[in-house]
Amino acid sequence: MSDFVADCRTGRLRRIRVSVPSDGYREPVFHANLSHRARGPATRHRISSPELVTTGAARSIKDSDTSGYGPGTGLETERSTVTMGLMQLSDVLWQERHLLELLLFKLEEEQMILTSGRTRWLGHATREVETVLDQIRDSELGRTVESEAAAIELGLDPGLSLLSLAQQAPAPWNELLHAHREAFVSLTSEIVELANGNRELLAISHRAAQETLMSLQESVQTYDGQGMTAATAGSAQLLDRSF
């Protein structure tokens, strides 16, 4: 059979012969975005924008699906629903991973303030940590909802852990869920270690502040009735002598 293709140098249509096998497959032909009058009958041939044209066996290969979810099996809608559920779950997991990394960063900021002794900004750092913790709690609720929805779409129990869900999810979602879980385990371990270290630093800083206050109280001097300075042994004596 014959077909027309555009000649880019002359801007005209050129007739070529295309051999079509018995299965109906034809090699794809790229069409140019031109419009010319072909020689012969007064018929105008409009050629569409660049696209691939396939017929016969190519279409049958496209429609076939080795996973058992092809259109011929009636499970295409089920596959798209499962994919949507796992996609939403993955989006929530990415957001939670970002929040965990942000929490780790805020804890490191707090540790730098504690080790440098610049406790002036400690209150700000602590409030930032608490803000991120609140966001993580909200994200955990969303993850629970999406995990249960994805498990139900896969025909599994809604209370499954992320590990169990990753083990039973279809490819490539199983690998992605495993990667999310490994990242969560690693980040959580770092966060716990850093938070414990900050707690110890806070306790040491608090004891040092108390010792400093006690030493100041022991060295405080006040004036007696004659205008002379006198050392005081405690706050009670300060009150008595001041009156």
C-alpha atoms as a PDB file:
ATOM      1  CA  MET A   1       0.000   0.000   0.000  1.00  0.00           C
ATOM      2  CA  SER A   2       1.045   3.682  -0.397  1.00  0.00           C
ATOM      3  CA  ASP A   3       1.346   6.487   2.106  1.00  0.00           C
ATOM      4  CA  PHE A   4       2.296  10.159   2.024  1.00  0.00           C
ATOM      5  CA  VAL A   5       5.073  11.794   4.011  1.00  0.00           C
ATOM      6  CA  ALA A   6       6.166  15.456   3.953  1.00  0.00           C
ATOM      7  CA  ASP A   7       9.426  16.395   2.278  1.00  0.00           C
ATOM      8  CA  CYS A   8      11.008  19.014   4.589  1.00  0.00           C
ATOM      9  CA  ARG A   9      13.185  20.466   1.763  1.00  0.00           C
ATOM     10  CA  THR A  10      10.480  21.034  -0.856  1.00  0.00           C
ATOM     11  CA  GLY A  11       7.431  21.382   1.395  1.00  0.00           C
ATOM     12  CA  ARG A  12       5.530  18.884  -0.763  1.00  0.00           C
ATOM     13  CA  LEU A  13       4.028  15.492  -0.158  1.00  0.00           C
ATOM     14  CA  ARG A  14       5.963  12.492  -1.384  1.00  0.00           C
ATOM     15  CA  ARG A  15       4.379   9.114  -2.063  1.00  0.00           C
ATOM     16  CA  ILE A  16       6.115   6.110  -0.534  1.00  0.00           C
ATOM     17  CA  ARG A  17       5.236   2.456  -0.451  1.00  0.00           C
ATOM     18  CA  VAL A  18       4.688   0.816   2.934  1.00  0.00           C
ATOM     19  CA  SER A  19       4.800  -2.934   3.310  1.00  0.00           C
ATOM     20  CA  VAL A  20       2.174  -4.153   5.800  1.00  0.00           C
ATOM     21  CA  PRO A  21       2.722  -7.652   7.272  1.00  0.00           C
ATOM     22  CA  SER A  22      -0.143 -10.054   7.795  1.00  0.00           C
ATOM     23  CA  ASP A  23      -0.526  -9.111  11.481  1.00  0.00           C
ATOM     24  CA  GLY A  24      -1.374  -5.517  10.545  1.00  0.00           C
ATOM     25  CA  TYR A  25       1.582  -3.843  12.265  1.00  0.00           C
ATOM     26  CA  ARG A  26       3.089  -0.804  10.546  1.00  0.00           C
ATOM     27  CA  GLU A  27       6.188   1.074  11.605  1.00  0.00           C
ATOM     28  CA  PRO A  28       5.305   4.435  13.195  1.00  0.00           C
ATOM     29  CA  VAL A  29       5.376   7.423  10.832  1.00  0.00           C
ATOM     30  CA  PHE A  30       6.084  10.943  12.145  1.00  0.00           C
ATOM     31  CA  HIS A  31       3.864  13.526  10.422  1.00  0.00           C
ATOM     32  CA  ALA A  32       4.871  17.128   9.879  1.00  0.00           C
ATOM     33  CA  ASN A  33       2.694  20.106  10.751  1.00  0.00           C
ATOM     34  CA  LEU A  34       2.079  21.149   7.143  1.00  0.00           C
ATOM     35  CA  SER A  35      -0.912  21.557   4.845  1.00  0.00           C
ATOM     36  CA  HIS A  36      -0.502  21.153   1.059  1.00  0.00           C
ATOM     37  CA  ARG A  37      -2.519  20.214  -1.967  1.00  0.00           C
ATOM     38  CA  ALA A  38      -1.458  16.792  -3.228  1.00  0.00           C
ATOM     39  CA  ARG A  39      -0.929  16.129  -6.891  1.00  0.00           C
ATOM     40  CA  GLY A  40      -3.710  14.376  -8.680  1.00  0.00           C
ATOM     41  CA  PRO A  41      -7.324  14.784  -7.537  1.00  0.00           C
ATOM     42  CA  ALA A  42      -8.219  18.164  -6.089  1.00  0.00           C
ATOM     43  CA  THR A  43      -8.157  16.951  -2.523  1.00  0.00           C
ATOM     44  CA  ARG A  44      -6.498  18.903   0.331  1.00  0.00           C
ATOM     45  CA  HIS A  45      -4.522  16.713   2.736  1.00  0.00           C
ATOM     46  CA  ARG A  46      -4.028  18.188   6.227  1.00  0.00           C
ATOM     47  CA  ILE A  47      -1.211  16.585   8.166  1.00  0.00           C
ATOM     48  CA  SER A  48      -1.486  16.564  11.945  1.00  0.00           C
ATOM     49  CA  SER A  49       1.064  17.581  14.605  1.00  0.00           C
ATOM     50  CA  PRO A  50       3.902  15.142  15.414  1.00  0.00           C
ATOM     51  CA  GLU A  51       2.524  11.890  16.747  1.00  0.00           C
ATOM     52  CA  LEU A  52       3.125   8.176  16.562  1.00  0.00           C
ATOM     53  CA  VAL A  53       0.696   6.148  14.486  1.00  0.00           C
ATOM     54  CA  THR A  54       0.513   2.456  15.296  1.00  0.00           C
ATOM     55  CA  THR A  55      -2.010  -0.170  14.273  1.00  0.00           C
ATOM     56  CA  GLY A  56      -2.697  -3.866  14.483  1.00  0.00           C
ATOM     57  CA  ALA A  57      -0.156  -5.775  16.546  1.00  0.00           C
ATOM     58  CA  ALA A  58       1.281  -2.630  18.142  1.00  0.00           C
ATOM     59  CA  ARG A  59      -2.103  -1.817  19.670  1.00  0.00           C
ATOM     60  CA  SER A  60      -2.561  -5.363  20.868  1.00  0.00           C
ATOM     61  CA  ILE A  61       0.879  -5.269  22.523  1.00  0.00           C
ATOM     62  CA  LYS A  62      -0.009  -2.000  24.245  1.00  0.00           C
ATOM     63  CA  ASP A  63      -3.275  -3.418  25.568  1.00  0.00           C
ATOM     64  CA  SER A  64      -1.695  -6.606  26.897  1.00  0.00           C
ATOM     65  CA  ASP A  65      -0.542  -6.601  30.539  1.00  0.00           C
ATOM     66  CA  THR A  66       1.477  -9.391  32.089  1.00  0.00           C
ATOM     67  CA  SER A  67       0.520  -8.324  35.619  1.00  0.00           C
ATOM     68  CA  GLY A  68      -3.049  -9.519  35.161  1.00  0.00           C
ATOM     69  CA  TYR A  69      -4.586  -6.045  35.420  1.00  0.00           C
ATOM     70  CA  GLY A  70      -5.087  -5.328  31.713  1.00  0.00           C
ATOM     71  CA  PRO A  71      -8.338  -4.078  30.187  1.00  0.00           C
ATOM     72  CA  GLY A  72      -9.161  -7.560  29.048  1.00  0.00           C
ATOM     73  CA  THR A  73      -9.263  -8.848  32.620  1.00  0.00           C
ATOM     74  CA  GLY A  74     -11.632  -6.177  33.938  1.00  0.00           C
ATOM     75  CA  LEU A  75      -9.195  -5.179  36.709  1.00  0.00           C
ATOM     76  CA  GLU A  76      -7.871  -1.915  35.261  1.00  0.00           C
ATOM     77  CA  THR A  77     -10.084   0.182  37.567  1.00  0.00           C
ATOM     78  CA  GLU A  78      -8.932  -1.812  40.580  1.00  0.00           C
ATOM     79  CA  ARG A  79      -5.289  -1.269  39.656  1.00  0.00           C
ATOM     80  CA  SER A  80      -5.745   2.505  39.292  1.00  0.00           C
ATOM     81  CA  THR A  81      -7.538   2.652  42.661  1.00  0.00           C
ATOM     82  CA  VAL A  82      -4.737   0.756  44.411  1.00  0.00           C
ATOM     83  CA  THR A  83      -2.124   2.959  42.738  1.00  0.00           C
ATOM     84  CA  MET A  84      -3.938   6.102  43.876  1.00  0.00           C
ATOM     85  CA  GLY A  85      -4.126   4.876  47.477  1.00  0.00           C
ATOM     86  CA  LEU A  86      -0.426   4.006  47.602  1.00  0.00           C
ATOM     87  CA  MET A  87       0.482   7.287  45.927  1.00  0.00           C
ATOM     88  CA  GLN A  88      -1.381   9.288  48.570  1.00  0.00           C
ATOM     89  CA  LEU A  89       0.277   7.256  51.315  1.00  0.00           C
ATOM     90  CA  SER A  90       3.699   7.884  49.814  1.00  0.00           C
ATOM     91  CA  ASP A  91       3.022  11.636  49.683  1.00  0.00           C
ATOM     92  CA  VAL A  92       2.141  11.658  53.401  1.00  0.00           C
ATOM     93  CA  LEU A  93       5.273   9.659  54.218  1.00  0.00           C
ATOM     94  CA  TRP A  94       7.448  12.129  52.321  1.00  0.00           C
ATOM     95  CA  GLN A  95       5.936  15.004  54.305  1.00  0.00           C
ATOM     96  CA  GLU A  96       6.541  13.208  57.599  1.00  0.00           C
ATOM     97  CA  ARG A  97      10.144  12.470  56.655  1.00  0.00           C
ATOM     98  CA  HIS A  98      10.652  16.159  55.936  1.00  0.00           C
ATOM     99  CA  LEU A  99       9.253  17.059  59.369  1.00  0.00           C
ATOM    100  CA  LEU A 100      11.519  14.525  61.084  1.00  0.00           C
ATOM    101  CA  GLU A 101      14.546  16.013  59.340  1.00  0.00           C
ATOM    102  CA  LEU A 102      13.390  19.477  60.435  1.00  0.00           C
ATOM    103  CA  LEU A 103      13.045  18.252  64.023  1.00  0.00           C
ATOM    104  CA  LEU A 104      16.565  16.835  63.893  1.00  0.00           C
ATOM    105  CA  PHE A 105      17.838  20.201  62.680  1.00  0.00           C
ATOM    106  CA  LYS A 106      16.050  22.076  65.499  1.00  0.00           C
ATOM    107  CA  LEU A 107      17.459  19.706  68.104  1.00  0.00           C
ATOM    108  CA  GLU A 108      20.955  20.270  66.773  1.00  0.00           C
ATOM    109  CA  GLU A 109      20.350  24.023  67.032  1.00  0.00           C
ATOM    110  CA  GLU A 110      19.272  23.576  70.638  1.00  0.00           C
ATOM    111  CA  GLN A 111      22.370  21.523  71.378  1.00  0.00           C
ATOM    112  CA  MET A 112      24.655  24.187  69.899  1.00  0.00           C
ATOM    113  CA  ILE A 113      23.027  26.818  72.126  1.00  0.00           C
ATOM    114  CA  LEU A 114      23.463  24.640  75.201  1.00  0.00           C
ATOM    115  CA  THR A 115      27.077  23.787  74.516  1.00  0.00           C
ATOM    116  CA  SER A 116      27.985  27.400  73.716  1.00  0.00           C
ATOM    117  CA  GLY A 117      26.426  28.654  76.943  1.00  0.00           C
ATOM    118  CA  ARG A 118      24.297  31.242  75.119  1.00  0.00           C
ATOM    119  CA  THR A 119      21.135  30.391  77.010  1.00  0.00           C
ATOM    120  CA  ARG A 120      19.577  33.690  75.931  1.00  0.00           C
ATOM    121  CA  TRP A 121      18.120  31.943  72.851  1.00  0.00           C
ATOM    122  CA  LEU A 122      17.307  28.654  74.550  1.00  0.00           C
ATOM    123  CA  GLY A 123      13.644  29.534  74.994  1.00  0.00           C
ATOM    124  CA  HIS A 124      13.240  30.307  71.284  1.00  0.00           C
ATOM    125  CA  ALA A 125      14.938  27.052  70.294  1.00  0.00           C
ATOM    126  CA  THR A 126      12.737  25.028  72.652  1.00  0.00           C
ATOM    127  CA  ARG A 127       9.558  26.624  71.271  1.00  0.00           C
ATOM    128  CA  GLU A 128      10.638  25.804  67.712  1.00  0.00           C
ATOM    129  CA  VAL A 129      11.177  22.166  68.693  1.00  0.00           C
ATOM    130  CA  GLU A 130       7.713  22.012  70.251  1.00  0.00           C
ATOM    131  CA  THR A 131       6.163  23.539  67.117  1.00  0.00           C
ATOM    132  CA  VAL A 132       7.711  20.877  64.881  1.00  0.00           C
ATOM    133  CA  LEU A 133       6.590  18.157  67.309  1.00  0.00           C
ATOM    134  CA  ASP A 134       2.987  19.374  66.989  1.00  0.00           C
ATOM    135  CA  GLN A 135       3.254  19.213  63.193  1.00  0.00           C
ATOM    136  CA  ILE A 136       4.626  15.673  63.393  1.00  0.00           C
ATOM    137  CA  ARG A 137       1.686  14.577  65.571  1.00  0.00           C
ATOM    138  CA  ASP A 138      -0.747  15.913  62.961  1.00  0.00           C
ATOM    139  CA  SER A 139       1.212  14.177  60.204  1.00  0.00           C
ATOM    140  CA  GLU A 140       1.086  10.868  62.099  1.00  0.00           C
ATOM    141  CA  LEU A 141      -2.711  11.045  62.141  1.00  0.00           C
ATOM    142  CA  GLY A 142      -2.749  11.573  58.383  1.00  0.00           C
ATOM    143  CA  ARG A 143      -0.341   8.674  57.879  1.00  0.00           C
ATOM    144  CA  THR A 144      -2.588   6.374  59.912  1.00  0.00           C
ATOM    145  CA  VAL A 145      -5.617   7.300  57.801  1.00  0.00           C
ATOM    146  CA  GLU A 146      -3.804   6.824  54.473  1.00  0.00           C
ATOM    147  CA  SER A 147      -2.192   3.548  55.623  1.00  0.00           C
ATOM    148  CA  GLU A 148      -5.567   2.078  56.538  1.00  0.00           C
ATOM    149  CA  ALA A 149      -7.086   3.233  53.238  1.00  0.00           C
ATOM    150  CA  ALA A 150      -4.221   1.716  51.224  1.00  0.00           C
ATOM    151  CA  ALA A 151      -4.434  -1.561  53.164  1.00  0.00           C
ATOM    152  CA  ILE A 152      -8.172  -1.826  52.517  1.00  0.00           C
ATOM    153  CA  GLU A 153      -7.660  -1.192  48.786  1.00  0.00           C
ATOM    154  CA  LEU A 154      -5.089  -3.993  48.742  1.00  0.00           C
ATOM    155  CA  GLY A 155      -7.522  -6.300  50.514  1.00  0.00           C
ATOM    156  CA  LEU A 156      -5.478  -6.352  53.738  1.00  0.00           C
ATOM    157  CA  ASP A 157      -6.255  -5.637  57.377  1.00  0.00           C
ATOM    158  CA  PRO A 158      -6.403  -1.879  58.055  1.00  0.00           C
ATOM    159  CA  GLY A 159      -4.233  -2.132  61.176  1.00  0.00           C
ATOM    160  CA  LEU A 160      -1.091  -3.352  59.407  1.00  0.00           C
ATOM    161  CA  SER A 161       2.254  -1.754  60.159  1.00  0.00           C
ATOM    162  CA  LEU A 162       4.235   0.030  57.476  1.00  0.00           C
ATOM    163  CA  LEU A 163       6.604  -2.955  57.257  1.00  0.00           C
ATOM    164  CA  SER A 164       3.760  -5.428  56.673  1.00  0.00           C
ATOM    165  CA  LEU A 165       2.192  -3.111  54.119  1.00  0.00           C
ATOM    166  CA  ALA A 166       5.498  -2.792  52.268  1.00  0.00           C
ATOM    167  CA  GLN A 167       5.934  -6.567  52.209  1.00  0.00           C
ATOM    168  CA  GLN A 168       2.538  -7.117  50.559  1.00  0.00           C
ATOM    169  CA  ALA A 169       2.306  -4.074  48.268  1.00  0.00           C
ATOM    170  CA  PRO A 170       2.848  -4.595  44.517  1.00  0.00           C
ATOM    171  CA  ALA A 171       5.967  -3.402  42.745  1.00  0.00           C
ATOM    172  CA  PRO A 172       7.325  -0.750  42.622  1.00  0.00           C
ATOM    173  CA  TRP A 173       5.457   0.460  45.709  1.00  0.00           C
ATOM    174  CA  ASN A 174       6.938  -2.259  47.925  1.00  0.00           C
ATOM    175  CA  GLU A 175      10.470  -0.931  47.394  1.00  0.00           C
ATOM    176  CA  LEU A 176       9.359   2.661  47.957  1.00  0.00           C
ATOM    177  CA  LEU A 177       7.575   1.810  51.218  1.00  0.00           C
ATOM    178  CA  HIS A 178      10.606  -0.138  52.425  1.00  0.00           C
ATOM    179  CA  ALA A 179      12.773   2.912  51.700  1.00  0.00           C
ATOM    180  CA  HIS A 180      10.384   5.128  53.680  1.00  0.00           C
ATOM    181  CA  ARG A 181      10.489   2.776  56.659  1.00  0.00           C
ATOM    182  CA  GLU A 182      14.299   2.580  56.669  1.00  0.00           C
ATOM    183  CA  ALA A 183      14.475   6.375  56.597  1.00  0.00           C
ATOM    184  CA  PHE A 184      12.022   6.600  59.522  1.00  0.00           C
ATOM    185  CA  VAL A 185      14.057   4.142  61.600  1.00  0.00           C
ATOM    186  CA  SER A 186      17.301   6.021  60.929  1.00  0.00           C
ATOM    187  CA  LEU A 187      15.849   9.482  61.628  1.00  0.00           C
ATOM    188  CA  THR A 188      14.061   8.332  64.777  1.00  0.00           C
ATOM    189  CA  SER A 189      17.257   6.817  66.150  1.00  0.00           C
ATOM    190  CA  GLU A 190      19.157  10.062  65.571  1.00  0.00           C
ATOM    191  CA  ILE A 191      16.368  12.140  67.118  1.00  0.00           C
ATOM    192  CA  VAL A 192      16.185  10.009  70.276  1.00  0.00           C
ATOM    193  CA  GLU A 193      19.959  10.104  70.752  1.00  0.00           C
ATOM    194  CA  LEU A 194      20.115  13.877  70.251  1.00  0.00           C
ATOM    195  CA  ALA A 195      17.106  14.563  72.501  1.00  0.00           C
ATOM    196  CA  ASN A 196      18.648  12.515  75.320  1.00  0.00           C
ATOM    197  CA  GLY A 197      21.903  14.426  74.971  1.00  0.00           C
ATOM    198  CA  ASN A 198      20.068  17.759  75.121  1.00  0.00           C
ATOM    199  CA  ARG A 199      18.228  16.646  78.242  1.00  0.00           C
ATOM    200  CA  GLU A 200      21.506  15.865  79.952  1.00  0.00           C
ATOM    201  CA  LEU A 201      22.915  19.232  78.917  1.00  0.00           C
ATOM    202  CA  LEU A 202      19.809  20.978  80.275  1.00  0.00           C
ATOM    203  CA  ALA A 203      20.130  19.137  83.581  1.00  0.00           C
ATOM    204  CA  ILE A 204      23.808  20.099  83.860  1.00  0.00           C
ATOM    205  CA  SER A 205      22.981  23.708  83.002  1.00  0.00           C
ATOM    206  CA  HIS A 206      20.200  23.770  85.604  1.00  0.00           C
ATOM    207  CA  ARG A 207      22.478  22.401  88.349  1.00  0.00           C
ATOM    208  CA  ALA A 208      25.144  24.926  87.450  1.00  0.00           C
ATOM    209  CA  ALA A 209      22.610  27.754  87.636  1.00  0.00           C
ATOM    210  CA  GLN A 210      21.418  26.578  91.060  1.00  0.00           C
ATOM    211  CA  GLU A 211      24.978  26.356  92.372  1.00  0.00           C
ATOM    212  CA  THR A 212      25.676  29.859  91.075  1.00  0.00           C
ATOM    213  CA  LEU A 213      22.593  31.247  92.819  1.00  0.00           C
ATOM    214  CA  MET A 214      23.529  29.539  96.076  1.00  0.00           C
ATOM    215  CA  SER A 215      27.029  30.948  95.962  1.00  0.00           C
ATOM    216  CA  LEU A 216      25.633  34.414  95.322  1.00  0.00           C
ATOM    217  CA  GLN A 217      23.292  34.131  98.303  1.00  0.00           C
ATOM    218  CA  GLU A 218      26.152  33.120 100.589  1.00  0.00           C
ATOM    219  CA  SER A 219      28.236  36.119  99.567  1.00  0.00           C
ATOM    220  CA  VAL A 220      25.439  38.722  99.657  1.00  0.00           C
ATOM    221  CA  GLN A 221      26.050  41.536 102.144  1.00  0.00           C
ATOM    222  CA  THR A 222      23.532  44.002 103.529  1.00  0.00           C
ATOM    223  CA  TYR A 223      23.615  47.076 105.758  1.00  0.00           C
ATOM    224  CA  ASP A 224      22.859  47.019 109.458  1.00  0.00           C
ATOM    225  CA  GLY A 225      21.179  49.792 111.453  1.00  0.00           C
ATOM    226  CA  GLN A 226      24.456  51.681 111.774  1.00  0.00           C
ATOM    227  CA  GLY A 227      25.125  51.662 108.026  1.00  0.00           C
ATOM    228  CA  MET A 228      27.804  48.987 108.229  1.00  0.00           C
ATOM    229  CA  THR A 229      27.924  46.010 105.845  1.00  0.00           C
ATOM    230  CA  ALA A 230      27.386  42.598 107.319  1.00  0.00           C
ATOM    231  CA  ALA A 231      27.504  39.148 105.721  1.00  0.00           C
ATOM    232  CA  THR A 232      24.260  37.187 105.802  1.00  0.00           C
ATOM    233  CA  ALA A 233      23.944  33.444 106.023  1.00  0.00           C
ATOM    234  CA  GLY A 234      20.548  33.087 104.372  1.00  0.00           C
ATOM    235  CA  SER A 235      17.492  34.798 103.002  1.00  0.00           C
ATOM    236  CA  ALA A 236      15.680  34.679 106.364  1.00  0.00           C
ATOM    237  CA  GLN A 237      18.427  36.706 108.014  1.00  0.00           C
ATOM    238  CA  LEU A 238      18.284  39.183 105.162  1.00  0.00           C
ATOM    239  CA  LEU A 239      14.604  39.768 105.764  1.00  0.00           C
ATOM    240  CA  ASP A 240      15.013  40.073 109.540  1.00  0.00           C
ATOM    241  CA  ARG A 241      17.873  42.589 109.358  1.00  0.00           C
ATOM    242  CA  SER A 242      16.223  44.627 106.640  1.00  0.00           C
ATOM    243  CA  PHE A 243      13.259  45.139 108.881  1.00  0.00           C
END
